[in-house]
PDB file of N, CA and C in Angstrom:
ATOM      1  N   MET A   1      93.524  55.475  60.158  1.00  0.00           N
ATOM      2  CA  MET A   1      92.403  56.845  60.840  1.00  0.00           C
ATOM      3  C   MET A   1      93.750  58.007  60.962  1.00  0.00           C
ATOM      4  N   ASN A   2      93.032  58.908  60.247  1.00  0.00           N
ATOM      5  CA  ASN A   2      93.697  60.440  60.364  1.00  0.00           C
ATOM      6  C   ASN A   2      92.961  60.979  61.657  1.00  0.00           C
ATOM      7  N   PHE A   3      93.150  60.931  63.193  1.00  0.00           N
ATOM      8  CA  PHE A   3      92.852  61.794  64.019  1.00  0.00           C
ATOM      9  C   PHE A   3      93.909  61.853  65.014  1.00  0.00           C
ATOM     10  N   PHE A   4      94.656  63.249  65.237  1.00  0.00           N
ATOM     11  CA  PHE A   4      95.605  63.633  65.589  1.00  0.00           C
ATOM     12  C   PHE A   4      94.984  64.249  66.923  1.00  0.00           C
ATOM     13  N   ASP A   5      94.336  63.882  67.882  1.00  0.00           N
ATOM     14  CA  ASP A   5      93.636  64.179  68.578  1.00  0.00           C
ATOM     15  C   ASP A   5      93.012  63.380  69.676  1.00  0.00           C
ATOM     16  N   MET A   6      93.624  61.986  69.111  1.00  0.00           N
ATOM     17  CA  MET A   6      92.884  60.959  69.967  1.00  0.00           C
ATOM     18  C   MET A   6      94.571  60.117  70.470  1.00  0.00           C
ATOM     19  N   TRP A   7      94.449  60.071  71.476  1.00  0.00           N
ATOM     20  CA  TRP A   7      95.601  58.828  72.258  1.00  0.00           C
ATOM     21  C   TRP A   7      95.434  57.825  72.046  1.00  0.00           C
ATOM     22  N   THR A   8      94.118  57.248  71.874  1.00  0.00           N
ATOM     23  CA  THR A   8      94.493  55.370  71.973  1.00  0.00           C
ATOM     24  C   THR A   8      93.761  55.222  70.432  1.00  0.00           C
ATOM     25  N   ARG A   9      94.228  53.810  69.795  1.00  0.00           N
ATOM     26  CA  ARG A   9      93.382  53.153  68.969  1.00  0.00           C
ATOM     27  C   ARG A   9      91.630  53.200  69.143  1.00  0.00           C
ATOM     28  N   GLN A  10      91.605  52.751  70.454  1.00  0.00           N
ATOM     29  CA  GLN A  10      90.360  52.326  70.600  1.00  0.00           C
ATOM     30  C   GLN A  10      89.471  53.501  70.729  1.00  0.00           C
ATOM     31  N   GLN A  11      89.566  54.939  71.231  1.00  0.00           N
ATOM     32  CA  GLN A  11      89.214  55.986  70.658  1.00  0.00           C
ATOM     33  C   GLN A  11      88.965  56.504  69.044  1.00  0.00           C
ATOM     34  N   ALA A  12      89.869  56.341  68.857  1.00  0.00           N
ATOM     35  CA  ALA A  12      89.766  56.723  67.091  1.00  0.00           C
ATOM     36  C   ALA A  12      88.676  55.830  66.677  1.00  0.00           C
ATOM     37  N   GLN A  13      88.981  54.462  66.832  1.00  0.00           N
ATOM     38  CA  GLN A  13      87.964  53.814  66.554  1.00  0.00           C
ATOM     39  C   GLN A  13      86.432  53.842  66.103  1.00  0.00           C
ATOM     40  N   ASP A  14      86.499  54.716  67.983  1.00  0.00           N
ATOM     41  CA  ASP A  14      85.129  54.679  68.094  1.00  0.00           C
ATOM     42  C   ASP A  14      84.410  56.081  67.740  1.00  0.00           C
ATOM     43  N   LEU A  15      85.108  56.891  67.249  1.00  0.00           N
ATOM     44  CA  LEU A  15      84.737  58.696  66.399  1.00  0.00           C
ATOM     45  C   LEU A  15      84.091  57.524  64.704  1.00  0.00           C
ATOM     46  N   ALA A  16      84.951  56.890  64.114  1.00  0.00           N
ATOM     47  CA  ALA A  16      85.103  56.478  62.735  1.00  0.00           C
ATOM     48  C   ALA A  16      83.415  55.494  62.173  1.00  0.00           C
ATOM     49  N   PRO A  17      83.202  56.224  61.310  1.00  0.00           N
ATOM     50  CA  PRO A  17      82.276  55.573  60.672  1.00  0.00           C
ATOM     51  C   PRO A  17      81.973  53.864  61.080  1.00  0.00           C
ATOM     52  N   PRO A  18      81.495  53.190  60.710  1.00  0.00           N
ATOM     53  CA  PRO A  18      81.489  51.965  60.570  1.00  0.00           C
ATOM     54  C   PRO A  18      81.624  51.603  59.702  1.00  0.00           C
ATOM     55  N   PRO A  19      82.609  50.663  59.349  1.00  0.00           N
ATOM     56  CA  PRO A  19      83.273  49.892  57.874  1.00  0.00           C
ATOM     57  C   PRO A  19      81.439  49.572  56.924  1.00  0.00           C
ATOM     58  N   ARG A  20      81.596  49.851  55.735  1.00  0.00           N
ATOM     59  CA  ARG A  20      80.595  49.943  54.880  1.00  0.00           C
ATOM     60  C   ARG A  20      80.098  48.631  54.408  1.00  0.00           C
ATOM     61  N   LEU A  21      79.489  47.789  54.228  1.00  0.00           N
ATOM     62  CA  LEU A  21      78.763  46.235  54.302  1.00  0.00           C
ATOM     63  C   LEU A  21      79.015  46.458  52.429  1.00  0.00           C
ATOM     64  N   ILE A  22      79.135  45.454  51.854  1.00  0.00           N
ATOM     65  CA  ILE A  22      78.865  45.671  50.523  1.00  0.00           C
ATOM     66  C   ILE A  22      77.352  44.617  50.268  1.00  0.00           C
ATOM     67  N   THR A  23      77.056  45.378  49.319  1.00  0.00           N
ATOM     68  CA  THR A  23      75.643  44.082  48.765  1.00  0.00           C
ATOM     69  C   THR A  23      75.454  44.069  47.952  1.00  0.00           C
ATOM     70  N   ALA A  24      74.643  42.781  47.845  1.00  0.00           N
ATOM     71  CA  ALA A  24      74.699  42.282  45.578  1.00  0.00           C
ATOM     72  C   ALA A  24      74.018  43.610  45.483  1.00  0.00           C
ATOM     73  N   GLU A  25      73.838  44.920  45.418  1.00  0.00           N
ATOM     74  CA  GLU A  25      72.732  45.770  44.808  1.00  0.00           C
ATOM     75  C   GLU A  25      74.360  46.866  44.689  1.00  0.00           C
ATOM     76  N   ASP A  26      75.222  47.013  45.518  1.00  0.00           N
ATOM     77  CA  ASP A  26      76.025  47.869  45.400  1.00  0.00           C
ATOM     78  C   ASP A  26      77.195  47.565  44.079  1.00  0.00           C
ATOM     79  N   ARG A  27      76.782  45.688  44.056  1.00  0.00           N
ATOM     80  CA  ARG A  27      78.087  45.019  43.101  1.00  0.00           C
ATOM     81  C   ARG A  27      77.117  45.431  41.803  1.00  0.00           C
ATOM     82  N   ARG A  28      75.781  45.124  41.924  1.00  0.00           N
ATOM     83  CA  ARG A  28      75.016  45.469  40.454  1.00  0.00           C
ATOM     84  C   ARG A  28      75.618  47.291  40.129  1.00  0.00           C
ATOM     85  N   ILE A  29      75.733  48.195  41.323  1.00  0.00           N
ATOM     86  CA  ILE A  29      75.795  49.502  40.651  1.00  0.00           C
ATOM     87  C   ILE A  29      76.638  49.482  39.920  1.00  0.00           C
ATOM     88  N   GLN A  30      77.932  48.988  40.948  1.00  0.00           N
ATOM     89  CA  GLN A  30      79.138  48.960  40.402  1.00  0.00           C
ATOM     90  C   GLN A  30      79.656  48.374  39.007  1.00  0.00           C
ATOM     91  N   GLN A  31      78.680  47.119  39.251  1.00  0.00           N
ATOM     92  CA  GLN A  31      78.759  46.870  37.549  1.00  0.00           C
ATOM     93  C   GLN A  31      78.265  47.315  36.271  1.00  0.00           C
ATOM     94  N   ARG A  32      76.549  48.088  37.376  1.00  0.00           N
ATOM     95  CA  ARG A  32      76.677  49.323  35.710  1.00  0.00           C
ATOM     96  C   ARG A  32      77.211  50.320  35.673  1.00  0.00           C
ATOM     97  N   ARG A  33      77.759  51.041  36.549  1.00  0.00           N
ATOM     98  CA  ARG A  33      79.087  52.155  35.797  1.00  0.00           C
ATOM     99  C   ARG A  33      79.950  51.794  35.504  1.00  0.00           C
ATOM    100  N   GLU A  34      80.499  50.304  35.995  1.00  0.00           N
ATOM    101  CA  GLU A  34      81.610  50.211  34.936  1.00  0.00           C
ATOM    102  C   GLU A  34      81.401  49.863  33.803  1.00  0.00           C
ATOM    103  N   SER A  35      80.597  49.164  33.347  1.00  0.00           N
ATOM    104  CA  SER A  35      80.485  49.286  31.732  1.00  0.00           C
ATOM    105  C   SER A  35      79.569  50.611  30.809  1.00  0.00           C
ATOM    106  N   ARG A  36      78.583  51.289  31.833  1.00  0.00           N
ATOM    107  CA  ARG A  36      79.270  52.666  31.540  1.00  0.00           C
ATOM    108  C   ARG A  36      80.136  53.351  30.752  1.00  0.00           C
ATOM    109  N   LEU A  37      81.309  53.570  31.871  1.00  0.00           N
ATOM    110  CA  LEU A  37      82.504  53.605  31.701  1.00  0.00           C
ATOM    111  C   LEU A  37      83.329  53.103  30.212  1.00  0.00           C
ATOM    112  N   LEU A  38      82.736  51.426  30.576  1.00  0.00           N
ATOM    113  CA  LEU A  38      83.602  51.390  29.167  1.00  0.00           C
ATOM    114  C   LEU A  38      83.130  51.620  27.724  1.00  0.00           C
ATOM    115  N   ILE A  39      81.912  51.833  27.634  1.00  0.00           N
ATOM    116  CA  ILE A  39      80.922  52.338  26.528  1.00  0.00           C
ATOM    117  C   ILE A  39      81.214  53.668  26.456  1.00  0.00           C
ATOM    118  N   ALA A  40      81.351  54.570  27.493  1.00  0.00           N
ATOM    119  CA  ALA A  40      81.934  55.788  26.691  1.00  0.00           C
ATOM    120  C   ALA A  40      83.421  56.002  26.816  1.00  0.00           C
ATOM    121  N   GLU A  41      83.923  55.466  26.737  1.00  0.00           N
ATOM    122  CA  GLU A  41      85.725  54.969  26.526  1.00  0.00           C
ATOM    123  C   GLU A  41      85.221  54.041  24.699  1.00  0.00           C
ATOM    124  N   ALA A  42      84.949  53.505  24.778  1.00  0.00           N
ATOM    125  CA  ALA A  42      84.525  52.839  23.106  1.00  0.00           C
ATOM    126  C   ALA A  42      84.312  54.154  22.214  1.00  0.00           C
ATOM    127  N   ASP A  43      82.972  54.454  22.802  1.00  0.00           N
ATOM    128  CA  ASP A  43      82.726  55.810  21.985  1.00  0.00           C
ATOM    129  C   ASP A  43      83.559  57.185  21.852  1.00  0.00           C
ATOM    130  N   GLU A  44      84.544  57.357  22.291  1.00  0.00           N
ATOM    131  CA  GLU A  44      85.783  58.519  22.567  1.00  0.00           C
ATOM    132  C   GLU A  44      86.358  58.297  21.734  1.00  0.00           C
ATOM    133  N   HIS A  45      86.832  56.995  21.600  1.00  0.00           N
ATOM    134  CA  HIS A  45      88.181  56.364  20.496  1.00  0.00           C
ATOM    135  C   HIS A  45      87.532  56.305  19.157  1.00  0.00           C
ATOM    136  N   ALA A  46      86.211  55.690  19.275  1.00  0.00           N
ATOM    137  CA  ALA A  46      85.773  55.719  17.775  1.00  0.00           C
ATOM    138  C   ALA A  46      85.694  57.435  16.711  1.00  0.00           C
ATOM    139  N   MET A  47      85.101  58.071  17.826  1.00  0.00           N
ATOM    140  CA  MET A  47      85.052  59.872  17.603  1.00  0.00           C
ATOM    141  C   MET A  47      86.505  59.825  17.244  1.00  0.00           C
ATOM    142  N   ALA A  48      87.622  59.701  18.314  1.00  0.00           N
ATOM    143  CA  ALA A  48      88.760  59.738  18.072  1.00  0.00           C
ATOM    144  C   ALA A  48      89.059  59.346  16.034  1.00  0.00           C
ATOM    145  N   VAL A  49      88.706  57.958  16.288  1.00  0.00           N
ATOM    146  CA  VAL A  49      88.967  57.405  14.899  1.00  0.00           C
ATOM    147  C   VAL A  49      87.916  58.346  13.544  1.00  0.00           C
ATOM    148  N   TRP A  50      87.361  58.500  14.110  1.00  0.00           N
ATOM    149  CA  TRP A  50      86.614  59.198  12.807  1.00  0.00           C
ATOM    150  C   TRP A  50      86.928  60.174  12.201  1.00  0.00           C
ATOM    151  N   ARG A  51      87.618  61.479  13.736  1.00  0.00           N
ATOM    152  CA  ARG A  51      87.747  62.764  13.410  1.00  0.00           C
ATOM    153  C   ARG A  51      89.201  62.155  12.056  1.00  0.00           C
ATOM    154  N   GLU A  52      90.200  61.546  12.082  1.00  0.00           N
ATOM    155  CA  GLU A  52      91.145  60.988  11.264  1.00  0.00           C
ATOM    156  C   GLU A  52      90.560  60.668  10.466  1.00  0.00           C
ATOM    157  N   ARG A  53      89.720  60.021  10.527  1.00  0.00           N
ATOM    158  CA  ARG A  53      89.490  59.589   8.636  1.00  0.00           C
ATOM    159  C   ARG A  53      88.389  60.456   8.177  1.00  0.00           C
ATOM    160  N   PHE A  54      87.931  61.539   8.688  1.00  0.00           N
ATOM    161  CA  PHE A  54      87.119  62.303   7.993  1.00  0.00           C
ATOM    162  C   PHE A  54      86.839  63.439   8.257  1.00  0.00           C
ATOM    163  N   PRO A  55      88.288  64.001   8.000  1.00  0.00           N
ATOM    164  CA  PRO A  55      88.475  66.146   8.758  1.00  0.00           C
ATOM    165  C   PRO A  55      87.265  66.512   7.594  1.00  0.00           C
ATOM    166  N   GLN A  56      86.781  66.193   7.057  1.00  0.00           N
ATOM    167  CA  GLN A  56      86.476  67.172   6.008  1.00  0.00           C
ATOM    168  C   GLN A  56      85.160  67.072   6.696  1.00  0.00           C
ATOM    169  N   ASP A  57      84.557  66.156   7.346  1.00  0.00           N
ATOM    170  CA  ASP A  57      82.801  66.001   8.006  1.00  0.00           C
ATOM    171  C   ASP A  57      83.353  66.705   9.453  1.00  0.00           C
ATOM    172  N   VAL A  58      84.236  66.853  10.280  1.00  0.00           N
ATOM    173  CA  VAL A  58      84.808  67.552  11.057  1.00  0.00           C
ATOM    174  C   VAL A  58      84.984  69.284  10.758  1.00  0.00           C
ATOM    175  N   ALA A  59      85.124  69.210   9.288  1.00  0.00           N
ATOM    176  CA  ALA A  59      85.097  70.720   9.314  1.00  0.00           C
ATOM    177  C   ALA A  59      83.593  71.518   9.201  1.00  0.00           C
ATOM    178  N   LEU A  60      83.107  70.536   8.035  1.00  0.00           N
ATOM    179  CA  LEU A  60      81.718  71.033   8.181  1.00  0.00           C
ATOM    180  C   LEU A  60      80.979  70.948   9.213  1.00  0.00           C
ATOM    181  N   GLU A  61      80.845  70.434   9.803  1.00  0.00           N
ATOM    182  CA  GLU A  61      80.253  70.160  11.004  1.00  0.00           C
ATOM    183  C   GLU A  61      80.285  71.294  11.967  1.00  0.00           C
ATOM    184  N   ASN A  62      81.774  71.656  12.224  1.00  0.00           N
ATOM    185  CA  ASN A  62      82.163  73.092  12.860  1.00  0.00           C
ATOM    186  C   ASN A  62      81.468  74.517  11.559  1.00  0.00           C
ATOM    187  N   GLU A  63      81.281  73.885  10.479  1.00  0.00           N
ATOM    188  CA  GLU A  63      81.267  74.737  10.038  1.00  0.00           C
ATOM    189  C   GLU A  63      79.295  75.443  10.423  1.00  0.00           C
ATOM    190  N   PHE A  64      78.645  74.467  10.121  1.00  0.00           N
ATOM    191  CA  PHE A  64      77.217  74.057  10.525  1.00  0.00           C
ATOM    192  C   PHE A  64      77.041  74.685  12.605  1.00  0.00           C
ATOM    193  N   TRP A  65      77.932  74.584  13.204  1.00  0.00           N
ATOM    194  CA  TRP A  65      77.662  74.996  14.367  1.00  0.00           C
ATOM    195  C   TRP A  65      77.874  76.451  14.624  1.00  0.00           C
ATOM    196  N   ALA A  66      78.663  76.764  13.956  1.00  0.00           N
ATOM    197  CA  ALA A  66      79.170  78.179  13.586  1.00  0.00           C
ATOM    198  C   ALA A  66      78.194  78.815  13.065  1.00  0.00           C
ATOM    199  N   GLN A  67      77.143  78.784  12.128  1.00  0.00           N
ATOM    200  CA  GLN A  67      76.508  79.466  11.265  1.00  0.00           C
ATOM    201  C   GLN A  67      74.893  78.793  12.351  1.00  0.00           C
ATOM    202  N   ARG A  68      75.032  78.059  12.993  1.00  0.00           N
ATOM    203  CA  ARG A  68      74.106  78.192  13.857  1.00  0.00           C
ATOM    204  C   ARG A  68      74.149  79.073  14.792  1.00  0.00           C
ATOM    205  N   ARG A  69      74.923  79.196  15.755  1.00  0.00           N
ATOM    206  CA  ARG A  69      75.374  80.240  16.739  1.00  0.00           C
ATOM    207  C   ARG A  69      75.149  81.454  16.613  1.00  0.00           C
ATOM    208  N   ALA A  70      75.740  81.327  14.812  1.00  0.00           N
ATOM    209  CA  ALA A  70      75.476  82.924  14.545  1.00  0.00           C
ATOM    210  C   ALA A  70      73.980  83.497  14.021  1.00  0.00           C
ATOM    211  N   GLU A  71      73.310  82.291  14.082  1.00  0.00           N
ATOM    212  CA  GLU A  71      72.057  82.453  13.936  1.00  0.00           C
ATOM    213  C   GLU A  71      71.144  82.498  15.521  1.00  0.00           C
ATOM    214  N   ARG A  72      70.945  81.775  15.642  1.00  0.00           N
ATOM    215  CA  ARG A  72      70.593  82.168  17.308  1.00  0.00           C
ATOM    216  C   ARG A  72      71.564  83.494  17.342  1.00  0.00           C
ATOM    217  N   ALA A  73      72.302  84.069  17.660  1.00  0.00           N
ATOM    218  CA  ALA A  73      72.847  85.353  18.182  1.00  0.00           C
ATOM    219  C   ALA A  73      71.584  86.305  17.128  1.00  0.00           C
ATOM    220  N   ALA A  74      71.497  86.329  15.682  1.00  0.00           N
ATOM    221  CA  ALA A  74      71.426  87.242  15.263  1.00  0.00           C
ATOM    222  C   ALA A  74      69.389  87.025  15.926  1.00  0.00           C
ATOM    223  N   GLU A  75      68.768  86.042  16.066  1.00  0.00           N
ATOM    224  CA  GLU A  75      67.643  85.957  16.340  1.00  0.00           C
ATOM    225  C   GLU A  75      67.570  87.131  17.994  1.00  0.00           C
ATOM    226  N   GLN A  76      68.260  85.876  18.801  1.00  0.00           N
ATOM    227  CA  GLN A  76      68.283  87.380  19.949  1.00  0.00           C
ATOM    228  C   GLN A  76      68.603  88.307  20.382  1.00  0.00           C
ATOM    229  N   ALA A  77      69.205  88.674  19.523  1.00  0.00           N
ATOM    230  CA  ALA A  77      69.299  90.278  19.496  1.00  0.00           C
ATOM    231  C   ALA A  77      68.511  90.908  18.609  1.00  0.00           C
ATOM    232  N   ASP A  78      67.326  90.323  17.855  1.00  0.00           N
ATOM    233  CA  ASP A  78      66.543  91.122  17.580  1.00  0.00           C
ATOM    234  C   ASP A  78      65.181  90.797  17.853  1.00  0.00           C
ATOM    235  N   ARG A  79      65.170  89.549  19.286  1.00  0.00           N
ATOM    236  CA  ARG A  79      64.477  89.882  19.968  1.00  0.00           C
ATOM    237  C   ARG A  79      64.331  90.602  21.119  1.00  0.00           C
ATOM    238  N   ARG A  80      65.612  90.584  21.303  1.00  0.00           N
ATOM    239  CA  ARG A  80      66.081  92.378  22.074  1.00  0.00           C
ATOM    240  C   ARG A  80      65.941  93.303  22.083  1.00  0.00           C
ATOM    241  N   GLU A  81      65.970  93.772  20.899  1.00  0.00           N
ATOM    242  CA  GLU A  81      65.214  94.888  19.956  1.00  0.00           C
ATOM    243  C   GLU A  81      64.167  95.132  19.636  1.00  0.00           C
ATOM    244  N   ARG A  82      63.550  94.309  19.756  1.00  0.00           N
ATOM    245  CA  ARG A  82      61.848  94.675  19.182  1.00  0.00           C
ATOM    246  C   ARG A  82      61.447  94.737  20.942  1.00  0.00           C
ATOM    247  N   LYS A  83      61.692  93.937  21.867  1.00  0.00           N
ATOM    248  CA  LYS A  83      61.326  94.287  23.163  1.00  0.00           C
ATOM    249  C   LYS A  83      61.613  95.560  23.814  1.00  0.00           C
ATOM    250  N   ALA A  84      62.956  96.014  23.452  1.00  0.00           N
ATOM    251  CA  ALA A  84      62.891  97.298  23.901  1.00  0.00           C
ATOM    252  C   ALA A  84      62.296  98.729  23.165  1.00  0.00           C
ATOM    253  N   LEU A  85      62.144  98.068  21.840  1.00  0.00           N
ATOM    254  CA  LEU A  85      61.161  99.182  21.117  1.00  0.00           C
ATOM    255  C   LEU A  85      59.972  99.190  21.575  1.00  0.00           C
ATOM    256  N   ALA A  86      59.571  97.694  22.355  1.00  0.00           N
ATOM    257  CA  ALA A  86      58.008  97.775  22.892  1.00  0.00           C
ATOM    258  C   ALA A  86      57.696  98.190  24.044  1.00  0.00           C
ATOM    259  N   GLU A  87      59.399  97.815  24.977  1.00  0.00           N
ATOM    260  CA  GLU A  87      58.715  99.112  26.435  1.00  0.00           C
ATOM    261  C   GLU A  87      59.113 100.067  26.374  1.00  0.00           C
ATOM    262  N   ALA A  88      59.501 100.725  25.073  1.00  0.00           N
ATOM    263  CA  ALA A  88      59.499 102.262  25.176  1.00  0.00           C
ATOM    264  C   ALA A  88      58.174 102.472  24.171  1.00  0.00           C
ATOM    265  N   GLN A  89      57.216 101.710  23.622  1.00  0.00           N
ATOM    266  CA  GLN A  89      56.056 102.405  23.565  1.00  0.00           C
ATOM    267  C   GLN A  89      55.202 102.505  24.314  1.00  0.00           C
ATOM    268  N   CYS A  90      55.393 101.801  25.594  1.00  0.00           N
ATOM    269  CA  CYS A  90      54.726 101.004  26.477  1.00  0.00           C
ATOM    270  C   CYS A  90      54.942 102.252  27.685  1.00  0.00           C
ATOM    271  N   GLU A  91      56.255 102.874  27.986  1.00  0.00           N
ATOM    272  CA  GLU A  91      56.472 103.845  28.487  1.00  0.00           C
ATOM    273  C   GLU A  91      56.018 105.440  28.264  1.00  0.00           C
ATOM    274  N   LEU A  92      55.697 104.993  27.038  1.00  0.00           N
ATOM    275  CA  LEU A  92      55.270 106.715  26.001  1.00  0.00           C
ATOM    276  C   LEU A  92      53.898 106.479  26.587  1.00  0.00           C
ATOM    277  N   GLY A  93      53.097 105.269  27.142  1.00  0.00           N
ATOM    278  CA  GLY A  93      51.051 105.519  27.866  1.00  0.00           C
ATOM    279  C   GLY A  93      50.192 105.730  26.624  1.00  0.00           C
ATOM    280  N   PRO A  94      49.442 107.122  27.459  1.00  0.00           N
ATOM    281  CA  PRO A  94      48.679 107.250  25.858  1.00  0.00           C
ATOM    282  C   PRO A  94      49.499 107.668  24.276  1.00  0.00           C
ATOM    283  N   VAL A  95      50.565 108.543  24.357  1.00  0.00           N
ATOM    284  CA  VAL A  95      51.444 109.203  23.778  1.00  0.00           C
ATOM    285  C   VAL A  95      52.050 107.975  22.689  1.00  0.00           C
ATOM    286  N   SER A  96      51.706 106.757  22.912  1.00  0.00           N
ATOM    287  CA  SER A  96      51.820 105.869  22.272  1.00  0.00           C
ATOM    288  C   SER A  96      51.351 105.551  20.724  1.00  0.00           C
ATOM    289  N   SER A  97      52.227 105.585  19.270  1.00  0.00           N
ATOM    290  CA  SER A  97      51.621 105.113  18.228  1.00  0.00           C
ATOM    291  C   SER A  97      50.602 103.765  18.315  1.00  0.00           C
ATOM    292  N   TRP A  98      51.151 103.184  19.382  1.00  0.00           N
ATOM    293  CA  TRP A  98      50.548 101.344  19.265  1.00  0.00           C
ATOM    294  C   TRP A  98      49.094 101.439  20.059  1.00  0.00           C
ATOM    295  N   ASP A  99      48.207 100.710  19.452  1.00  0.00           N
ATOM    296  CA  ASP A  99      47.138 100.462  19.714  1.00  0.00           C
ATOM    297  C   ASP A  99      46.808  99.223  20.925  1.00  0.00           C
ATOM    298  N   ASP A 100      46.729  98.774  21.496  1.00  0.00           N
ATOM    299  CA  ASP A 100      45.991  97.594  22.460  1.00  0.00           C
ATOM    300  C   ASP A 100      46.424  96.473  21.434  1.00  0.00           C
ATOM    301  N   ASN A 101      45.681  96.552  20.469  1.00  0.00           N
ATOM    302  CA  ASN A 101      45.777  95.166  19.805  1.00  0.00           C
ATOM    303  C   ASN A 101      47.033  94.859  19.302  1.00  0.00           C
ATOM    304  N   ASP A 102      47.836  95.551  19.036  1.00  0.00           N
ATOM    305  CA  ASP A 102      48.972  95.648  18.219  1.00  0.00           C
ATOM    306  C   ASP A 102      49.912  94.495  18.898  1.00  0.00           C
ATOM    307  N   PRO A 103      50.189  93.749  18.044  1.00  0.00           N
ATOM    308  CA  PRO A 103      51.071  92.533  17.929  1.00  0.00           C
ATOM    309  C   PRO A 103      52.532  92.668  18.434  1.00  0.00           C
ATOM    310  N   ARG A 104      52.374  93.818  18.301  1.00  0.00           N
ATOM    311  CA  ARG A 104      54.095  94.354  18.545  1.00  0.00           C
ATOM    312  C   ARG A 104      54.118  94.377  20.215  1.00  0.00           C
ATOM    313  N   ARG A 105      52.946  94.754  21.070  1.00  0.00           N
ATOM    314  CA  ARG A 105      53.461  94.977  22.038  1.00  0.00           C
ATOM    315  C   ARG A 105      53.437  93.567  22.623  1.00  0.00           C
ATOM    316  N   GLU A 106      53.388  92.491  22.193  1.00  0.00           N
ATOM    317  CA  GLU A 106      53.825  91.053  23.024  1.00  0.00           C
ATOM    318  C   GLU A 106      54.852  90.947  22.744  1.00  0.00           C
ATOM    319  N   ASP A 107      55.958  92.159  22.487  1.00  0.00           N
ATOM    320  CA  ASP A 107      57.591  91.541  22.742  1.00  0.00           C
ATOM    321  C   ASP A 107      57.315  92.514  24.096  1.00  0.00           C
ATOM    322  N   THR A 108      56.534  92.779  24.961  1.00  0.00           N
ATOM    323  CA  THR A 108      56.597  93.496  26.048  1.00  0.00           C
ATOM    324  C   THR A 108      57.332  92.695  26.978  1.00  0.00           C
ATOM    325  N   PHE A 109      55.974  91.553  26.880  1.00  0.00           N
ATOM    326  CA  PHE A 109      55.864  90.327  27.519  1.00  0.00           C
ATOM    327  C   PHE A 109      56.860  89.510  27.361  1.00  0.00           C
ATOM    328  N   LEU A 110      58.340  89.621  26.936  1.00  0.00           N
ATOM    329  CA  LEU A 110      58.705  88.583  25.915  1.00  0.00           C
ATOM    330  C   LEU A 110      59.763  88.696  27.520  1.00  0.00           C
ATOM    331  N   SER A 111      60.077  87.014  27.903  1.00  0.00           N
ATOM    332  CA  SER A 111      61.449  87.666  29.098  1.00  0.00           C
ATOM    333  C   SER A 111      62.711  86.496  28.204  1.00  0.00           C
ATOM    334  N   SER A 112      63.775  87.039  28.632  1.00  0.00           N
ATOM    335  CA  SER A 112      65.146  87.184  28.180  1.00  0.00           C
ATOM    336  C   SER A 112      65.492  85.547  27.903  1.00  0.00           C
ATOM    337  N   ASP A 113      64.778  84.758  27.675  1.00  0.00           N
ATOM    338  CA  ASP A 113      64.968  83.489  27.677  1.00  0.00           C
ATOM    339  C   ASP A 113      63.917  83.120  26.787  1.00  0.00           C
ATOM    340  N   TYR A 114      63.161  83.576  26.529  1.00  0.00           N
ATOM    341  CA  TYR A 114      62.225  83.187  25.016  1.00  0.00           C
ATOM    342  C   TYR A 114      62.950  82.155  24.383  1.00  0.00           C
ATOM    343  N   THR A 115      61.965  81.032  23.517  1.00  0.00           N
ATOM    344  CA  THR A 115      62.376  80.239  22.559  1.00  0.00           C
ATOM    345  C   THR A 115      60.884  80.332  22.035  1.00  0.00           C
ATOM    346  N   THR A 116      61.150  80.568  20.274  1.00  0.00           N
ATOM    347  CA  THR A 116      60.269  79.840  19.246  1.00  0.00           C
ATOM    348  C   THR A 116      59.390  78.565  19.683  1.00  0.00           C
ATOM    349  N   GLU A 117      59.119  77.956  19.448  1.00  0.00           N
ATOM    350  CA  GLU A 117      58.260  76.470  19.084  1.00  0.00           C
ATOM    351  C   GLU A 117      59.677  75.942  18.084  1.00  0.00           C
ATOM    352  N   LYS A 118      59.490  76.839  17.193  1.00  0.00           N
ATOM    353  CA  LYS A 118      60.446  76.398  15.789  1.00  0.00           C
ATOM    354  C   LYS A 118      61.739  75.855  16.130  1.00  0.00           C
ATOM    355  N   ASN A 119      62.885  76.980  16.769  1.00  0.00           N
ATOM    356  CA  ASN A 119      63.680  77.031  18.088  1.00  0.00           C
ATOM    357  C   ASN A 119      63.810  75.202  18.795  1.00  0.00           C
ATOM    358  N   ASP A 120      62.808  74.825  19.641  1.00  0.00           N
ATOM    359  CA  ASP A 120      62.829  73.905  20.452  1.00  0.00           C
ATOM    360  C   ASP A 120      63.039  72.625  19.717  1.00  0.00           C
ATOM    361  N   ASN A 121      62.445  72.597  18.116  1.00  0.00           N
ATOM    362  CA  ASN A 121      61.990  71.497  17.389  1.00  0.00           C
ATOM    363  C   ASN A 121      63.432  71.370  17.583  1.00  0.00           C
ATOM    364  N   GLU A 122      64.362  72.489  16.236  1.00  0.00           N
ATOM    365  CA  GLU A 122      65.493  72.138  15.948  1.00  0.00           C
ATOM    366  C   GLU A 122      66.744  71.338  16.650  1.00  0.00           C
ATOM    367  N   GLU A 123      66.204  71.937  18.001  1.00  0.00           N
ATOM    368  CA  GLU A 123      67.537  71.054  18.600  1.00  0.00           C
ATOM    369  C   GLU A 123      67.185  69.890  18.972  1.00  0.00           C
TER     370      GLU A 123
END
């Protein structure tokens, strides 16, 4: 116990929390955590072996994800551009060349984290 302002051991024990009782539930939770840790370690080992044996698969996977990130960045840039155009048209008010039923006007109300159903299903 590290109570530097206590003069006696009894004073420190009075301030310290009581010792925790280990129950069957605590043991069960700990066993579950340990088994999950063992599974995670086995998975990491299997992935390391896979990376060593199949470097071409790793390269293809990295290429896929790089392409996917580029596609997503292009989609996001397109959405930002459409939204900026729609907001500019709304600011023009009655002078705008778009009427109220123009589907491009919906881009004004897109949030920055907007995703389509297609993107959600792909992930």
